Amino acid sequence: MKSYVFSGASALVLGACAYEPTPLPIVIDQQAATNSSVLSPVQYQDPLAGYTYRAPTGPRDWRSVNEEQTEGN
């Protein structure tokens, strides 16, 4: 158990001592994506625009429902 803890701690210590810093992201590309002159305006769309209420009709006999849904009808 102690060897697992020691190996995990040593990996963290060696990783923290790495010489190369992580490079910064390219900011120019990110600024071009957020430029308001490039983006089109967002218009509101009602999420319930095509909704129609369908109330449950209650339990029916499964044989008659199957007969109604056959390809021959």
Protein backbone atom coordinates (compact mmCIF):
# COMPACT_ATOMS: atom_id res chain seq x y z
CA MET A 1 0.00 0.00 0.00
CA LYS A 2 2.85 2.36 0.87
CA SER A 3 4.46 1.74 -2.51
CA TYR A 4 1.30 2.92 -4.29
CA VAL A 5 1.21 6.11 -2.24
CA PHE A 6 4.94 6.71 -2.80
CA SER A 7 4.68 6.15 -6.56
CA GLY A 8 1.66 8.44 -6.83
CA ALA A 9 3.33 11.17 -4.79
CA SER A 10 6.54 10.91 -6.78
CA ALA A 11 4.62 11.24 -10.05
CA LEU A 12 2.97 14.42 -8.77
CA VAL A 13 6.28 15.87 -7.60
CA LEU A 14 8.04 15.09 -10.87
CA GLY A 15 5.13 16.51 -12.85
CA ALA A 16 5.24 19.74 -10.86
CA CYS A 17 8.96 20.12 -11.56
CA ALA A 18 8.52 20.03 -15.35
CA TYR A 19 10.44 22.87 -17.02
CA GLU A 20 8.24 23.69 -20.01
CA PRO A 21 5.27 25.88 -19.20
CA THR A 22 2.01 25.24 -21.01
CA PRO A 23 1.58 27.59 -23.98
CA LEU A 24 -1.15 30.21 -23.91
CA PRO A 25 -4.07 29.82 -26.33
CA ILE A 26 -4.19 31.91 -29.48
CA VAL A 27 -6.40 34.82 -28.46
CA ILE A 28 -6.90 36.31 -31.94
CA ASP A 29 -8.96 33.31 -33.12
CA GLN A 30 -11.13 33.47 -30.01
CA GLN A 31 -11.76 37.20 -30.41
CA ALA A 32 -12.81 36.72 -34.03
CA ALA A 33 -15.43 34.20 -32.93
CA THR A 34 -16.95 36.60 -30.40
CA ASN A 35 -16.87 39.68 -32.64
CA SER A 36 -20.44 41.02 -32.87
CA SER A 37 -20.00 42.26 -36.44
CA VAL A 38 -19.35 38.71 -37.63
CA LEU A 39 -22.27 37.03 -35.81
CA SER A 40 -25.86 37.18 -36.97
CA PRO A 41 -28.49 38.32 -34.46
CA VAL A 42 -30.28 35.60 -32.55
CA GLN A 43 -34.06 35.64 -32.87
CA TYR A 44 -36.42 34.15 -30.32
CA GLN A 45 -38.16 30.96 -31.35
CA ASP A 46 -41.00 29.63 -29.25
CA PRO A 47 -40.10 26.05 -28.23
CA LEU A 48 -43.79 25.11 -28.02
CA ALA A 49 -44.77 26.51 -31.43
CA GLY A 50 -45.88 23.21 -33.03
CA TYR A 51 -47.26 21.56 -29.90
CA THR A 52 -50.74 20.10 -29.94
CA TYR A 53 -52.25 18.61 -26.80
CA ARG A 54 -53.06 14.92 -27.08
CA ALA A 55 -55.04 13.66 -24.13
CA PRO A 56 -54.93 9.97 -23.33
CA THR A 57 -57.97 8.18 -24.69
CA GLY A 58 -57.87 5.43 -22.09
CA PRO A 59 -57.13 1.74 -22.32
CA ARG A 60 -58.54 -0.09 -25.31
CA ASP A 61 -58.61 -3.66 -26.47
CA TRP A 62 -55.17 -4.48 -27.91
CA ARG A 63 -56.61 -6.59 -30.73
CA SER A 64 -58.65 -3.72 -32.15
CA VAL A 65 -55.67 -1.35 -31.84
CA ASN A 66 -53.48 -3.83 -33.73
CA GLU A 67 -56.10 -4.21 -36.45
CA GLU A 68 -56.25 -0.40 -36.87
CA GLN A 69 -52.48 -0.16 -37.25
CA THR A 70 -51.97 -2.93 -39.77
CA GLU A 71 -50.54 -1.98 -43.17
CA GLY A 72 -53.66 -3.16 -44.98
CA ASN A 73 -55.81 -0.42 -43.42
